[in-house]
PDB file of N, CA and C in Angstrom:
ATOM      1  N   MET A   1     -33.667 -32.635  12.561  1.00  0.00           N
ATOM      2  CA  MET A   1     -33.028 -32.054  11.454  1.00  0.00           C
ATOM      3  C   MET A   1     -31.783 -30.954  11.920  1.00  0.00           C
ATOM      4  N   THR A   2     -30.829 -31.441  11.702  1.00  0.00           N
ATOM      5  CA  THR A   2     -29.805 -30.205  12.453  1.00  0.00           C
ATOM      6  C   THR A   2     -29.064 -29.288  11.262  1.00  0.00           C
ATOM      7  N   ASP A   3     -28.695 -28.609  12.181  1.00  0.00           N
ATOM      8  CA  ASP A   3     -28.355 -27.120  10.772  1.00  0.00           C
ATOM      9  C   ASP A   3     -26.940 -27.027  11.339  1.00  0.00           C
ATOM     10  N   THR A   4     -26.031 -27.349  10.159  1.00  0.00           N
ATOM     11  CA  THR A   4     -24.939 -27.687   9.668  1.00  0.00           C
ATOM     12  C   THR A   4     -24.251 -26.032   9.715  1.00  0.00           C
ATOM     13  N   ARG A   5     -25.207 -25.111   9.702  1.00  0.00           N
ATOM     14  CA  ARG A   5     -24.039 -23.643   9.398  1.00  0.00           C
ATOM     15  C   ARG A   5     -23.778 -23.247  10.862  1.00  0.00           C
ATOM     16  N   THR A   6     -22.697 -22.716  10.899  1.00  0.00           N
ATOM     17  CA  THR A   6     -21.910 -22.031  12.023  1.00  0.00           C
ATOM     18  C   THR A   6     -22.202 -20.451  11.638  1.00  0.00           C
ATOM     19  N   ASP A   7     -22.111 -19.984  12.719  1.00  0.00           N
ATOM     20  CA  ASP A   7     -22.578 -18.774  13.417  1.00  0.00           C
ATOM     21  C   ASP A   7     -21.465 -17.877  12.881  1.00  0.00           C
ATOM     22  N   ASP A   8     -20.195 -18.411  13.183  1.00  0.00           N
ATOM     23  CA  ASP A   8     -18.467 -17.821  12.401  1.00  0.00           C
ATOM     24  C   ASP A   8     -18.764 -17.779  11.182  1.00  0.00           C
ATOM     25  N   PHE A   9     -18.044 -16.149  11.216  1.00  0.00           N
ATOM     26  CA  PHE A   9     -18.236 -15.814   9.160  1.00  0.00           C
ATOM     27  C   PHE A   9     -16.494 -15.647   8.955  1.00  0.00           C
ATOM     28  N   HIS A  10     -15.962 -16.530   8.167  1.00  0.00           N
ATOM     29  CA  HIS A  10     -14.775 -16.688   7.794  1.00  0.00           C
ATOM     30  C   HIS A  10     -14.462 -15.863   6.724  1.00  0.00           C
ATOM     31  N   GLU A  11     -14.001 -14.559   6.388  1.00  0.00           N
ATOM     32  CA  GLU A  11     -14.173 -14.186   4.717  1.00  0.00           C
ATOM     33  C   GLU A  11     -12.645 -15.434   4.414  1.00  0.00           C
ATOM     34  N   GLU A  12     -12.558 -15.461   3.058  1.00  0.00           N
ATOM     35  CA  GLU A  12     -11.547 -16.275   3.143  1.00  0.00           C
ATOM     36  C   GLU A  12     -10.669 -15.422   2.296  1.00  0.00           C
ATOM     37  N   GLU A  13      -9.345 -15.294   2.910  1.00  0.00           N
ATOM     38  CA  GLU A  13      -8.407 -13.729   1.976  1.00  0.00           C
ATOM     39  C   GLU A  13      -7.741 -14.537   0.989  1.00  0.00           C
ATOM     40  N   GLU A  14      -7.379 -13.715   0.456  1.00  0.00           N
ATOM     41  CA  GLU A  14      -6.606 -14.073  -1.175  1.00  0.00           C
ATOM     42  C   GLU A  14      -5.050 -14.277  -0.931  1.00  0.00           C
ATOM     43  N   PRO A  15      -4.554 -15.072  -1.278  1.00  0.00           N
ATOM     44  CA  PRO A  15      -3.363 -15.203  -0.752  1.00  0.00           C
ATOM     45  C   PRO A  15      -2.338 -13.613  -1.469  1.00  0.00           C
ATOM     46  N   SER A  16      -1.559 -13.851  -1.045  1.00  0.00           N
ATOM     47  CA  SER A  16      -0.652 -12.649  -0.771  1.00  0.00           C
ATOM     48  C   SER A  16       0.604 -13.148  -2.637  1.00  0.00           C
ATOM     49  N   PRO A  17       0.104 -12.215  -3.286  1.00  0.00           N
ATOM     50  CA  PRO A  17       0.702 -12.346  -4.649  1.00  0.00           C
ATOM     51  C   PRO A  17       2.516 -12.156  -4.334  1.00  0.00           C
ATOM     52  N   VAL A  18       3.291 -12.684  -5.176  1.00  0.00           N
ATOM     53  CA  VAL A  18       4.805 -13.511  -5.032  1.00  0.00           C
ATOM     54  C   VAL A  18       5.262 -12.165  -5.149  1.00  0.00           C
ATOM     55  N   VAL A  19       4.778 -11.563  -6.328  1.00  0.00           N
ATOM     56  CA  VAL A  19       5.926 -10.354  -6.421  1.00  0.00           C
ATOM     57  C   VAL A  19       4.617  -9.046  -6.033  1.00  0.00           C
ATOM     58  N   LEU A  20       4.907  -7.912  -6.216  1.00  0.00           N
ATOM     59  CA  LEU A  20       4.147  -6.720  -6.159  1.00  0.00           C
ATOM     60  C   LEU A  20       4.818  -5.663  -6.766  1.00  0.00           C
ATOM     61  N   THR A  21       3.761  -5.034  -7.368  1.00  0.00           N
ATOM     62  CA  THR A  21       3.836  -3.684  -8.394  1.00  0.00           C
ATOM     63  C   THR A  21       4.639  -2.396  -7.325  1.00  0.00           C
ATOM     64  N   VAL A  22       4.743  -1.581  -7.892  1.00  0.00           N
ATOM     65  CA  VAL A  22       5.230  -0.325  -6.637  1.00  0.00           C
ATOM     66  C   VAL A  22       4.112   0.541  -6.041  1.00  0.00           C
ATOM     67  N   ASP A  23       3.162   0.395  -6.781  1.00  0.00           N
ATOM     68  CA  ASP A  23       1.808   1.136  -6.127  1.00  0.00           C
ATOM     69  C   ASP A  23       1.260   0.304  -4.630  1.00  0.00           C
ATOM     70  N   GLU A  24       1.569  -1.755  -4.966  1.00  0.00           N
ATOM     71  CA  GLU A  24       0.754  -1.952  -3.982  1.00  0.00           C
ATOM     72  C   GLU A  24       2.358  -2.322  -2.913  1.00  0.00           C
ATOM     73  N   LEU A  25       3.773  -1.954  -3.058  1.00  0.00           N
ATOM     74  CA  LEU A  25       4.543  -2.165  -2.431  1.00  0.00           C
ATOM     75  C   LEU A  25       4.405  -0.365  -1.359  1.00  0.00           C
ATOM     76  N   ALA A  26       3.645   0.452  -2.220  1.00  0.00           N
ATOM     77  CA  ALA A  26       3.872   1.870  -1.544  1.00  0.00           C
ATOM     78  C   ALA A  26       2.895   1.683  -0.707  1.00  0.00           C
ATOM     79  N   ALA A  27       1.783   1.111  -0.468  1.00  0.00           N
ATOM     80  CA  ALA A  27       0.653   0.675   0.052  1.00  0.00           C
ATOM     81  C   ALA A  27       1.327   0.183   1.265  1.00  0.00           C
ATOM     82  N   LEU A  28       1.671  -1.615   1.168  1.00  0.00           N
ATOM     83  CA  LEU A  28       2.371  -1.935   1.960  1.00  0.00           C
ATOM     84  C   LEU A  28       3.478  -1.388   2.892  1.00  0.00           C
ATOM     85  N   LEU A  29       4.030  -0.253   2.658  1.00  0.00           N
ATOM     86  CA  LEU A  29       4.994   0.600   2.988  1.00  0.00           C
ATOM     87  C   LEU A  29       4.501   1.864   4.249  1.00  0.00           C
ATOM     88  N   ARG A  30       3.282   2.107   3.330  1.00  0.00           N
ATOM     89  CA  ARG A  30       2.587   3.459   3.596  1.00  0.00           C
ATOM     90  C   ARG A  30       3.296   4.852   3.309  1.00  0.00           C
ATOM     91  N   VAL A  31       3.926   4.978   2.507  1.00  0.00           N
ATOM     92  CA  VAL A  31       4.492   5.583   1.084  1.00  0.00           C
ATOM     93  C   VAL A  31       4.259   5.701   0.149  1.00  0.00           C
ATOM     94  N   GLU A  32       4.393   7.014  -0.251  1.00  0.00           N
ATOM     95  CA  GLU A  32       4.102   7.337  -1.601  1.00  0.00           C
ATOM     96  C   GLU A  32       4.670   6.967  -2.749  1.00  0.00           C
ATOM     97  N   ARG A  33       3.844   6.822  -3.812  1.00  0.00           N
ATOM     98  CA  ARG A  33       4.873   5.972  -4.857  1.00  0.00           C
ATOM     99  C   ARG A  33       6.285   6.411  -5.408  1.00  0.00           C
ATOM    100  N   LYS A  34       6.361   7.602  -5.316  1.00  0.00           N
ATOM    101  CA  LYS A  34       7.193   8.406  -5.679  1.00  0.00           C
ATOM    102  C   LYS A  34       8.885   7.870  -4.615  1.00  0.00           C
ATOM    103  N   THR A  35       7.940   8.033  -3.173  1.00  0.00           N
ATOM    104  CA  THR A  35       9.503   7.919  -2.119  1.00  0.00           C
ATOM    105  C   THR A  35       9.741   6.306  -2.818  1.00  0.00           C
ATOM    106  N   VAL A  36       8.738   5.510  -3.151  1.00  0.00           N
ATOM    107  CA  VAL A  36       9.590   3.902  -3.514  1.00  0.00           C
ATOM    108  C   VAL A  36      10.358   3.444  -4.783  1.00  0.00           C
ATOM    109  N   TYR A  37       9.542   4.703  -6.048  1.00  0.00           N
ATOM    110  CA  TYR A  37      10.953   4.786  -7.439  1.00  0.00           C
ATOM    111  C   TYR A  37      12.250   5.176  -6.663  1.00  0.00           C
ATOM    112  N   SER A  38      11.882   6.227  -6.099  1.00  0.00           N
ATOM    113  CA  SER A  38      13.225   6.950  -5.701  1.00  0.00           C
ATOM    114  C   SER A  38      14.517   6.223  -4.994  1.00  0.00           C
ATOM    115  N   ALA A  39      13.705   5.040  -3.658  1.00  0.00           N
ATOM    116  CA  ALA A  39      14.553   4.205  -3.196  1.00  0.00           C
ATOM    117  C   ALA A  39      15.300   2.959  -4.087  1.00  0.00           C
ATOM    118  N   ILE A  40      14.008   2.816  -4.737  1.00  0.00           N
ATOM    119  CA  ILE A  40      14.777   1.477  -5.875  1.00  0.00           C
ATOM    120  C   ILE A  40      16.080   2.465  -6.498  1.00  0.00           C
ATOM    121  N   LEU A  41      15.598   3.246  -6.986  1.00  0.00           N
ATOM    122  CA  LEU A  41      16.934   4.434  -7.830  1.00  0.00           C
ATOM    123  C   LEU A  41      18.137   4.340  -7.170  1.00  0.00           C
ATOM    124  N   ARG A  42      17.774   4.306  -5.920  1.00  0.00           N
ATOM    125  CA  ARG A  42      18.852   4.448  -4.948  1.00  0.00           C
ATOM    126  C   ARG A  42      19.627   2.748  -4.802  1.00  0.00           C
ATOM    127  N   GLY A  43      18.644   1.900  -4.632  1.00  0.00           N
ATOM    128  CA  GLY A  43      19.606   0.809  -4.418  1.00  0.00           C
ATOM    129  C   GLY A  43      18.852   0.344  -3.103  1.00  0.00           C
ATOM    130  N   GLU A  44      17.961   0.507  -2.650  1.00  0.00           N
ATOM    131  CA  GLU A  44      17.482   0.555  -1.108  1.00  0.00           C
ATOM    132  C   GLU A  44      16.582  -0.724  -1.014  1.00  0.00           C
ATOM    133  N   ILE A  45      16.150  -0.504  -2.116  1.00  0.00           N
ATOM    134  CA  ILE A  45      14.686  -1.883  -1.845  1.00  0.00           C
ATOM    135  C   ILE A  45      15.714  -3.208  -2.196  1.00  0.00           C
ATOM    136  N   PRO A  46      15.263  -4.149  -1.426  1.00  0.00           N
ATOM    137  CA  PRO A  46      15.592  -5.816  -2.598  1.00  0.00           C
ATOM    138  C   PRO A  46      14.836  -6.219  -3.433  1.00  0.00           C
ATOM    139  N   GLY A  47      14.810  -7.497  -4.215  1.00  0.00           N
ATOM    140  CA  GLY A  47      14.158  -8.227  -4.824  1.00  0.00           C
ATOM    141  C   GLY A  47      13.546  -7.147  -6.048  1.00  0.00           C
ATOM    142  N   VAL A  48      14.317  -6.224  -6.420  1.00  0.00           N
ATOM    143  CA  VAL A  48      13.857  -5.641  -7.512  1.00  0.00           C
ATOM    144  C   VAL A  48      13.796  -6.287  -9.073  1.00  0.00           C
ATOM    145  N   GLN A  49      13.097  -6.217  -9.628  1.00  0.00           N
ATOM    146  CA  GLN A  49      13.198  -6.786 -10.999  1.00  0.00           C
ATOM    147  C   GLN A  49      12.215  -5.915 -12.347  1.00  0.00           C
ATOM    148  N   ARG A  50      12.988  -5.500 -13.221  1.00  0.00           N
ATOM    149  CA  ARG A  50      12.591  -4.986 -14.264  1.00  0.00           C
ATOM    150  C   ARG A  50      12.035  -5.933 -15.153  1.00  0.00           C
ATOM    151  N   VAL A  51      10.725  -5.582 -15.533  1.00  0.00           N
ATOM    152  CA  VAL A  51      10.368  -6.541 -17.119  1.00  0.00           C
ATOM    153  C   VAL A  51       9.904  -6.217 -17.702  1.00  0.00           C
ATOM    154  N   GLY A  52      10.848  -5.922 -18.406  1.00  0.00           N
ATOM    155  CA  GLY A  52      10.495  -4.470 -19.691  1.00  0.00           C
ATOM    156  C   GLY A  52      10.131  -2.937 -19.097  1.00  0.00           C
ATOM    157  N   ARG A  53       9.667  -2.400 -19.216  1.00  0.00           N
ATOM    158  CA  ARG A  53       9.316  -0.815 -18.619  1.00  0.00           C
ATOM    159  C   ARG A  53       8.614  -1.023 -17.467  1.00  0.00           C
ATOM    160  N   THR A  54       8.472  -2.476 -16.889  1.00  0.00           N
ATOM    161  CA  THR A  54       7.536  -1.881 -15.326  1.00  0.00           C
ATOM    162  C   THR A  54       9.088  -2.600 -14.489  1.00  0.00           C
ATOM    163  N   ILE A  55       8.423  -2.335 -13.181  1.00  0.00           N
ATOM    164  CA  ILE A  55       8.817  -3.060 -11.695  1.00  0.00           C
ATOM    165  C   ILE A  55       7.938  -3.768 -11.303  1.00  0.00           C
ATOM    166  N   ARG A  56       9.003  -5.032 -11.380  1.00  0.00           N
ATOM    167  CA  ARG A  56       8.248  -5.986 -10.014  1.00  0.00           C
ATOM    168  C   ARG A  56       8.642  -6.105  -8.665  1.00  0.00           C
ATOM    169  N   ILE A  57       8.369  -6.356  -7.820  1.00  0.00           N
ATOM    170  CA  ILE A  57       9.524  -6.789  -6.367  1.00  0.00           C
ATOM    171  C   ILE A  57       8.821  -7.784  -5.692  1.00  0.00           C
ATOM    172  N   GLY A  58      10.056  -8.275  -5.458  1.00  0.00           N
ATOM    173  CA  GLY A  58       9.458  -9.856  -5.004  1.00  0.00           C
ATOM    174  C   GLY A  58       9.663  -9.479  -3.580  1.00  0.00           C
ATOM    175  N   ARG A  59       8.035 -10.240  -3.061  1.00  0.00           N
ATOM    176  CA  ARG A  59       7.470 -10.337  -1.457  1.00  0.00           C
ATOM    177  C   ARG A  59       8.418 -10.596  -0.756  1.00  0.00           C
ATOM    178  N   ALA A  60       8.827 -11.704  -0.579  1.00  0.00           N
ATOM    179  CA  ALA A  60       9.498 -12.114  -0.171  1.00  0.00           C
ATOM    180  C   ALA A  60      10.968 -11.787   0.577  1.00  0.00           C
ATOM    181  N   ALA A  61      11.840 -11.048  -0.699  1.00  0.00           N
ATOM    182  CA  ALA A  61      12.751 -10.292  -0.567  1.00  0.00           C
ATOM    183  C   ALA A  61      11.863  -9.240   0.656  1.00  0.00           C
ATOM    184  N   VAL A  62      11.259  -7.956   0.191  1.00  0.00           N
ATOM    185  CA  VAL A  62      10.973  -6.797   1.247  1.00  0.00           C
ATOM    186  C   VAL A  62      10.430  -7.735   2.312  1.00  0.00           C
ATOM    187  N   VAL A  63       9.365  -8.946   2.608  1.00  0.00           N
ATOM    188  CA  VAL A  63       9.175  -9.259   4.014  1.00  0.00           C
ATOM    189  C   VAL A  63      10.381  -9.462   4.703  1.00  0.00           C
ATOM    190  N   SER A  64      11.942 -10.106   4.184  1.00  0.00           N
ATOM    191  CA  SER A  64      12.729 -10.501   5.404  1.00  0.00           C
ATOM    192  C   SER A  64      13.674  -9.411   5.271  1.00  0.00           C
ATOM    193  N   TRP A  65      13.684  -8.372   4.314  1.00  0.00           N
ATOM    194  CA  TRP A  65      14.594  -7.067   4.611  1.00  0.00           C
ATOM    195  C   TRP A  65      13.346  -6.387   5.764  1.00  0.00           C
ATOM    196  N   LEU A  66      12.206  -5.912   5.961  1.00  0.00           N
ATOM    197  CA  LEU A  66      11.318  -5.462   6.966  1.00  0.00           C
ATOM    198  C   LEU A  66      11.901  -5.861   8.430  1.00  0.00           C
ATOM    199  N   ASN A  67      11.951  -7.494   7.848  1.00  0.00           N
ATOM    200  CA  ASN A  67      11.848  -7.905   9.400  1.00  0.00           C
ATOM    201  C   ASN A  67      13.012  -8.213   9.814  1.00  0.00           C
ATOM    202  N   SER A  68      14.286  -7.707   8.958  1.00  0.00           N
ATOM    203  CA  SER A  68      15.727  -7.972   9.621  1.00  0.00           C
ATOM    204  C   SER A  68      16.030  -6.318  10.661  1.00  0.00           C
ATOM    205  N   GLY A  69      15.073  -5.633  10.333  1.00  0.00           N
ATOM    206  CA  GLY A  69      15.077  -4.287  10.739  1.00  0.00           C
ATOM    207  C   GLY A  69      15.973  -3.149   9.905  1.00  0.00           C
ATOM    208  N   GLN A  70      16.196  -3.816   9.051  1.00  0.00           N
ATOM    209  CA  GLN A  70      17.079  -3.037   8.387  1.00  0.00           C
ATOM    210  C   GLN A  70      16.072  -2.146   6.681  1.00  0.00           C
ATOM    211  N   GLY A  71      14.772  -2.436   7.326  1.00  0.00           N
ATOM    212  CA  GLY A  71      14.052  -1.423   6.218  1.00  0.00           C
ATOM    213  C   GLY A  71      13.243  -0.650   6.374  1.00  0.00           C
ATOM    214  N   CYS A  72      14.536   0.439   5.611  1.00  0.00           N
ATOM    215  CA  CYS A  72      14.723   1.957   6.192  1.00  0.00           C
ATOM    216  C   CYS A  72      14.755   2.452   4.902  1.00  0.00           C
ATOM    217  N   VAL A  73      13.320   3.261   4.252  1.00  0.00           N
ATOM    218  CA  VAL A  73      13.537   3.659   3.493  1.00  0.00           C
ATOM    219  C   VAL A  73      13.748   5.628   3.320  1.00  0.00           C
ATOM    220  N   SER A  74      14.872   5.870   2.883  1.00  0.00           N
ATOM    221  CA  SER A  74      15.371   7.169   3.233  1.00  0.00           C
ATOM    222  C   SER A  74      14.519   8.180   2.470  1.00  0.00           C
ATOM    223  N   ARG A  75      14.125   9.141   3.036  1.00  0.00           N
ATOM    224  CA  ARG A  75      12.859  10.198   2.311  1.00  0.00           C
ATOM    225  C   ARG A  75      13.288  11.172   0.807  1.00  0.00           C
ATOM    226  N   SER A  76      12.970  11.516  -0.143  1.00  0.00           N
ATOM    227  CA  SER A  76      13.553  12.108  -0.927  1.00  0.00           C
ATOM    228  C   SER A  76      14.274  13.420  -0.707  1.00  0.00           C
ATOM    229  N   LYS A  77      15.308  13.982  -1.265  1.00  0.00           N
ATOM    230  CA  LYS A  77      15.561  14.927  -0.915  1.00  0.00           C
ATOM    231  C   LYS A  77      15.352  15.690  -1.410  1.00  0.00           C
ATOM    232  N   ARG A  78      14.200  17.335  -0.931  1.00  0.00           N
ATOM    233  CA  ARG A  78      14.103  18.135  -1.434  1.00  0.00           C
ATOM    234  C   ARG A  78      14.997  19.280  -0.953  1.00  0.00           C
ATOM    235  N   ARG A  79      14.407  19.984  -2.188  1.00  0.00           N
ATOM    236  CA  ARG A  79      15.032  21.403  -1.818  1.00  0.00           C
ATOM    237  C   ARG A  79      14.576  22.303  -0.941  1.00  0.00           C
ATOM    238  N   SER A  80      14.774  22.821   0.093  1.00  0.00           N
ATOM    239  CA  SER A  80      14.228  24.052   1.085  1.00  0.00           C
ATOM    240  C   SER A  80      14.327  25.263   0.369  1.00  0.00           C
ATOM    241  N   ARG A  81      13.090  26.036  -0.025  1.00  0.00           N
ATOM    242  CA  ARG A  81      12.660  27.048  -0.169  1.00  0.00           C
ATOM    243  C   ARG A  81      12.754  28.157   0.902  1.00  0.00           C
TER     244      ARG A  81
END
């Protein structure tokens, strides 16, 4: 009797979503969501679409933006005390 099991464990990854939420983009960029909202308002992030009151960001546009080397989100301007 032949054992057809393999010792390799391959966890199936979920396919990447086509669109991202603000929280998903913040996690991808490793910044706070407030930083993402500010960058969206300044027009720094490509692929932003508003759907009603929600914001969705095209993953392909963000990946292309990051790969081009232009993916820089400036920090929100805070007052010094």
